């Protein structure tokens, strides 16, 4: 294998300053920490809040539908569900018409916890919106949706 020439430090600085992926990852981590901290009194993470919120619908969704909505693979979703199942907040069950499908639903306890979490989430979200300034949150959402 031939030796590659060293990359100049100026390239590292250029990537640090311009890489959209890096900036989105850093922002996502910072936001996640803020929402995790806000939801800590309920002993859930922002990821668990999003997962539970994705189950708050008239009909129990399939595993695939939830995985798609949350942009995760089924294996990751299964792992994310385990602690919520152990706490009795969600349940996974076999579809009554297609035994190959697994469906998900909030339990009564899960629904109560989610109802407690929503005002906390709203307060945390309003704080982020204020930091982004007038119209900033809408612009950011539109830009992020354009990338998905």
C-alpha atoms as a PDB file:
ATOM      1  CA  UNK A   1       0.000   0.000   0.000  1.00  0.00           C
ATOM      2  CA  UNK A   2       1.428   3.355  -0.979  1.00  0.00           C
ATOM      3  CA  UNK A   3       1.795   6.088   1.558  1.00  0.00           C
ATOM      4  CA  UNK A   4      -0.737   8.885   1.123  1.00  0.00           C
ATOM      5  CA  UNK A   5       0.520  12.425   1.354  1.00  0.00           C
ATOM      6  CA  UNK A   6      -0.368  14.134   4.631  1.00  0.00           C
ATOM      7  CA  UNK A   7      -3.492  16.263   4.657  1.00  0.00           C
ATOM      8  CA  UNK A   8      -2.690  19.868   5.526  1.00  0.00           C
ATOM      9  CA  UNK A   9      -4.130  21.243   8.759  1.00  0.00           C
ATOM     10  CA  UNK A  10      -5.842  23.932   6.690  1.00  0.00           C
ATOM     11  CA  UNK A  11      -8.019  21.176   5.220  1.00  0.00           C
ATOM     12  CA  UNK A  12      -9.020  20.097   8.721  1.00  0.00           C
ATOM     13  CA  UNK A  13     -10.014  23.669   9.540  1.00  0.00           C
ATOM     14  CA  UNK A  14     -11.937  23.981   6.263  1.00  0.00           C
ATOM     15  CA  UNK A  15     -13.903  20.799   6.995  1.00  0.00           C
ATOM     16  CA  UNK A  16     -14.565  21.923  10.586  1.00  0.00           C
ATOM     17  CA  UNK A  17     -15.924  25.242   9.372  1.00  0.00           C
ATOM     18  CA  UNK A  18     -17.935  24.073   6.358  1.00  0.00           C
ATOM     19  CA  UNK A  19     -19.041  20.453   6.821  1.00  0.00           C
ATOM     20  CA  UNK A  20     -22.842  20.439   7.017  1.00  0.00           C
ATOM     21  CA  UNK A  21     -22.908  16.898   8.365  1.00  0.00           C
ATOM     22  CA  UNK A  22     -20.620  17.844  11.246  1.00  0.00           C
ATOM     23  CA  UNK A  23     -22.662  20.953  12.077  1.00  0.00           C
ATOM     24  CA  UNK A  24     -25.973  19.071  11.965  1.00  0.00           C
ATOM     25  CA  UNK A  25     -24.535  16.299  14.171  1.00  0.00           C
ATOM     26  CA  UNK A  26     -23.221  18.813  16.695  1.00  0.00           C
ATOM     27  CA  UNK A  27     -26.528  20.693  16.755  1.00  0.00           C
ATOM     28  CA  UNK A  28     -28.461  17.432  17.115  1.00  0.00           C
ATOM     29  CA  UNK A  29     -26.325  16.383  20.070  1.00  0.00           C
ATOM     30  CA  UNK A  30     -26.694  19.779  21.736  1.00  0.00           C
ATOM     31  CA  UNK A  31     -30.474  19.743  21.244  1.00  0.00           C
ATOM     32  CA  UNK A  32     -30.693  16.168  22.479  1.00  0.00           C
ATOM     33  CA  UNK A  33     -28.829  17.126  25.669  1.00  0.00           C
ATOM     34  CA  UNK A  34     -31.200  20.043  26.280  1.00  0.00           C
ATOM     35  CA  UNK A  35     -34.319  17.933  25.814  1.00  0.00           C
ATOM     36  CA  UNK A  36     -32.827  15.028  27.796  1.00  0.00           C
ATOM     37  CA  UNK A  37     -32.190  17.405  30.690  1.00  0.00           C
ATOM     38  CA  UNK A  38     -35.714  18.834  30.504  1.00  0.00           C
ATOM     39  CA  UNK A  39     -37.286  15.346  30.475  1.00  0.00           C
ATOM     40  CA  UNK A  40     -34.976  13.930  33.175  1.00  0.00           C
ATOM     41  CA  UNK A  41     -37.571  14.394  35.987  1.00  0.00           C
ATOM     42  CA  UNK A  42     -39.796  11.905  34.128  1.00  0.00           C
ATOM     43  CA  UNK A  43     -36.896   9.479  33.649  1.00  0.00           C
ATOM     44  CA  UNK A  44     -37.172   9.483  29.855  1.00  0.00           C
ATOM     45  CA  UNK A  45     -34.858  10.710  27.118  1.00  0.00           C
ATOM     46  CA  UNK A  46     -35.802  12.841  24.147  1.00  0.00           C
ATOM     47  CA  UNK A  47     -35.485   9.725  21.982  1.00  0.00           C
ATOM     48  CA  UNK A  48     -37.940   7.860  24.203  1.00  0.00           C
ATOM     49  CA  UNK A  49     -40.291  10.850  24.103  1.00  0.00           C
ATOM     50  CA  UNK A  50     -40.187  10.857  20.286  1.00  0.00           C
ATOM     51  CA  UNK A  51     -40.723   7.107  20.167  1.00  0.00           C
ATOM     52  CA  UNK A  52     -43.677   7.260  22.534  1.00  0.00           C
ATOM     53  CA  UNK A  53     -45.138  10.236  20.660  1.00  0.00           C
ATOM     54  CA  UNK A  54     -44.894   8.255  17.412  1.00  0.00           C
ATOM     55  CA  UNK A  55     -47.216   5.672  18.999  1.00  0.00           C
ATOM     56  CA  UNK A  56     -49.816   8.270  19.953  1.00  0.00           C
ATOM     57  CA  UNK A  57     -52.212   7.655  17.066  1.00  0.00           C
ATOM     58  CA  UNK A  58     -55.694   6.227  16.556  1.00  0.00           C
ATOM     59  CA  UNK A  59     -54.494   2.806  15.370  1.00  0.00           C
ATOM     60  CA  UNK A  60     -51.404   0.969  16.630  1.00  0.00           C
ATOM     61  CA  UNK A  61     -48.651   1.336  14.015  1.00  0.00           C
ATOM     62  CA  UNK A  62     -46.455  -1.441  12.709  1.00  0.00           C
ATOM     63  CA  UNK A  63     -42.806  -1.676  13.694  1.00  0.00           C
ATOM     64  CA  UNK A  64     -41.869  -0.765  10.115  1.00  0.00           C
ATOM     65  CA  UNK A  65     -44.025   2.377  10.123  1.00  0.00           C
ATOM     66  CA  UNK A  66     -42.466   3.607  13.369  1.00  0.00           C
ATOM     67  CA  UNK A  67     -38.939   2.749  12.233  1.00  0.00           C
ATOM     68  CA  UNK A  68     -39.531   4.700   9.027  1.00  0.00           C
ATOM     69  CA  UNK A  69     -40.967   7.727  10.840  1.00  0.00           C
ATOM     70  CA  UNK A  70     -38.022   7.815  13.254  1.00  0.00           C
ATOM     71  CA  UNK A  71     -35.470   7.133  10.483  1.00  0.00           C
ATOM     72  CA  UNK A  72     -34.058   4.068  12.219  1.00  0.00           C
ATOM     73  CA  UNK A  73     -33.748   0.413  11.314  1.00  0.00           C
ATOM     74  CA  UNK A  74     -35.945  -2.191  12.976  1.00  0.00           C
ATOM     75  CA  UNK A  75     -33.082  -3.595  15.049  1.00  0.00           C
ATOM     76  CA  UNK A  76     -32.385  -0.169  16.561  1.00  0.00           C
ATOM     77  CA  UNK A  77     -36.110   0.359  17.154  1.00  0.00           C
ATOM     78  CA  UNK A  78     -36.367  -3.007  18.910  1.00  0.00           C
ATOM     79  CA  UNK A  79     -33.485  -2.053  21.201  1.00  0.00           C
ATOM     80  CA  UNK A  80     -35.060   1.356  21.907  1.00  0.00           C
ATOM     81  CA  UNK A  81     -38.380  -0.276  22.810  1.00  0.00           C
ATOM     82  CA  UNK A  82     -36.942  -2.673  25.395  1.00  0.00           C
ATOM     83  CA  UNK A  83     -36.562  -0.223  28.306  1.00  0.00           C
ATOM     84  CA  UNK A  84     -40.005   1.241  27.614  1.00  0.00           C
ATOM     85  CA  UNK A  85     -41.514  -2.251  27.549  1.00  0.00           C
ATOM     86  CA  UNK A  86     -39.773  -3.167  30.822  1.00  0.00           C
ATOM     87  CA  UNK A  87     -41.267  -0.062  32.443  1.00  0.00           C
ATOM     88  CA  UNK A  88     -44.717  -0.991  31.149  1.00  0.00           C
ATOM     89  CA  UNK A  89     -45.000   2.134  28.990  1.00  0.00           C
ATOM     90  CA  UNK A  90     -45.345   0.455  25.592  1.00  0.00           C
ATOM     91  CA  UNK A  91     -46.323  -2.959  24.372  1.00  0.00           C
ATOM     92  CA  UNK A  92     -45.499  -4.894  21.249  1.00  0.00           C
ATOM     93  CA  UNK A  93     -48.130  -7.318  20.003  1.00  0.00           C
ATOM     94  CA  UNK A  94     -48.856  -9.536  17.034  1.00  0.00           C
ATOM     95  CA  UNK A  95     -51.199  -8.113  14.392  1.00  0.00           C
ATOM     96  CA  UNK A  96     -54.563  -9.881  14.491  1.00  0.00           C
ATOM     97  CA  UNK A  97     -54.818 -10.267  10.698  1.00  0.00           C
ATOM     98  CA  UNK A  98     -51.164 -10.852   9.783  1.00  0.00           C
ATOM     99  CA  UNK A  99     -49.226 -12.841  12.369  1.00  0.00           C
ATOM    100  CA  UNK A 100     -45.927 -11.777  10.761  1.00  0.00           C
ATOM    101  CA  UNK A 101     -46.509  -8.131  11.715  1.00  0.00           C
ATOM    102  CA  UNK A 102     -45.735  -6.618  15.090  1.00  0.00           C
ATOM    103  CA  UNK A 103     -47.674  -3.575  16.193  1.00  0.00           C
ATOM    104  CA  UNK A 104     -46.889  -1.091  18.932  1.00  0.00           C
ATOM    105  CA  UNK A 105     -49.037   0.825  21.377  1.00  0.00           C
ATOM    106  CA  UNK A 106     -48.744   2.955  24.446  1.00  0.00           C
ATOM    107  CA  UNK A 107     -50.039   1.415  27.640  1.00  0.00           C
ATOM    108  CA  UNK A 108     -52.237   3.480  29.966  1.00  0.00           C
ATOM    109  CA  UNK A 109     -49.121   4.268  32.031  1.00  0.00           C
ATOM    110  CA  UNK A 110     -47.286   5.245  28.853  1.00  0.00           C
ATOM    111  CA  UNK A 111     -50.108   7.568  27.855  1.00  0.00           C
ATOM    112  CA  UNK A 112     -50.088   9.213  31.279  1.00  0.00           C
ATOM    113  CA  UNK A 113     -46.325   9.705  31.189  1.00  0.00           C
ATOM    114  CA  UNK A 114     -46.490  11.122  27.678  1.00  0.00           C
ATOM    115  CA  UNK A 115     -49.214  13.552  28.804  1.00  0.00           C
ATOM    116  CA  UNK A 116     -46.893  14.717  31.609  1.00  0.00           C
ATOM    117  CA  UNK A 117     -44.009  15.063  29.169  1.00  0.00           C
ATOM    118  CA  UNK A 118     -45.770  17.222  26.565  1.00  0.00           C
ATOM    119  CA  UNK A 119     -45.812  20.469  28.603  1.00  0.00           C
ATOM    120  CA  UNK A 120     -42.138  19.939  29.476  1.00  0.00           C
ATOM    121  CA  UNK A 121     -41.328  19.355  25.801  1.00  0.00           C
ATOM    122  CA  UNK A 122     -43.297  22.472  24.813  1.00  0.00           C
ATOM    123  CA  UNK A 123     -41.398  24.629  27.316  1.00  0.00           C
ATOM    124  CA  UNK A 124     -38.041  23.275  26.152  1.00  0.00           C
ATOM    125  CA  UNK A 125     -39.040  23.767  22.530  1.00  0.00           C
ATOM    126  CA  UNK A 126     -40.143  27.352  23.127  1.00  0.00           C
ATOM    127  CA  UNK A 127     -36.746  28.075  24.681  1.00  0.00           C
ATOM    128  CA  UNK A 128     -35.007  26.732  21.568  1.00  0.00           C
ATOM    129  CA  UNK A 129     -37.352  28.713  19.306  1.00  0.00           C
ATOM    130  CA  UNK A 130     -36.524  31.909  21.204  1.00  0.00           C
ATOM    131  CA  UNK A 131     -32.799  31.260  20.757  1.00  0.00           C
ATOM    132  CA  UNK A 132     -33.304  30.923  16.994  1.00  0.00           C
ATOM    133  CA  UNK A 133     -35.094  34.260  16.771  1.00  0.00           C
ATOM    134  CA  UNK A 134     -38.103  35.350  14.754  1.00  0.00           C
ATOM    135  CA  UNK A 135     -38.843  32.786  12.035  1.00  0.00           C
ATOM    136  CA  UNK A 136     -35.621  30.909  12.756  1.00  0.00           C
ATOM    137  CA  UNK A 137     -37.261  27.668  13.870  1.00  0.00           C
ATOM    138  CA  UNK A 138     -39.486  27.555  10.783  1.00  0.00           C
ATOM    139  CA  UNK A 139     -36.519  28.227   8.499  1.00  0.00           C
ATOM    140  CA  UNK A 140     -34.467  25.536  10.206  1.00  0.00           C
ATOM    141  CA  UNK A 141     -37.291  22.989   9.961  1.00  0.00           C
ATOM    142  CA  UNK A 142     -37.748  23.779   6.256  1.00  0.00           C
ATOM    143  CA  UNK A 143     -34.015  23.450   5.591  1.00  0.00           C
ATOM    144  CA  UNK A 144     -33.777  20.163   7.492  1.00  0.00           C
ATOM    145  CA  UNK A 145     -36.824  18.768   5.675  1.00  0.00           C
ATOM    146  CA  UNK A 146     -35.181  19.691   2.375  1.00  0.00           C
ATOM    147  CA  UNK A 147     -32.274  17.424   3.339  1.00  0.00           C
ATOM    148  CA  UNK A 148     -34.522  14.463   4.126  1.00  0.00           C
END
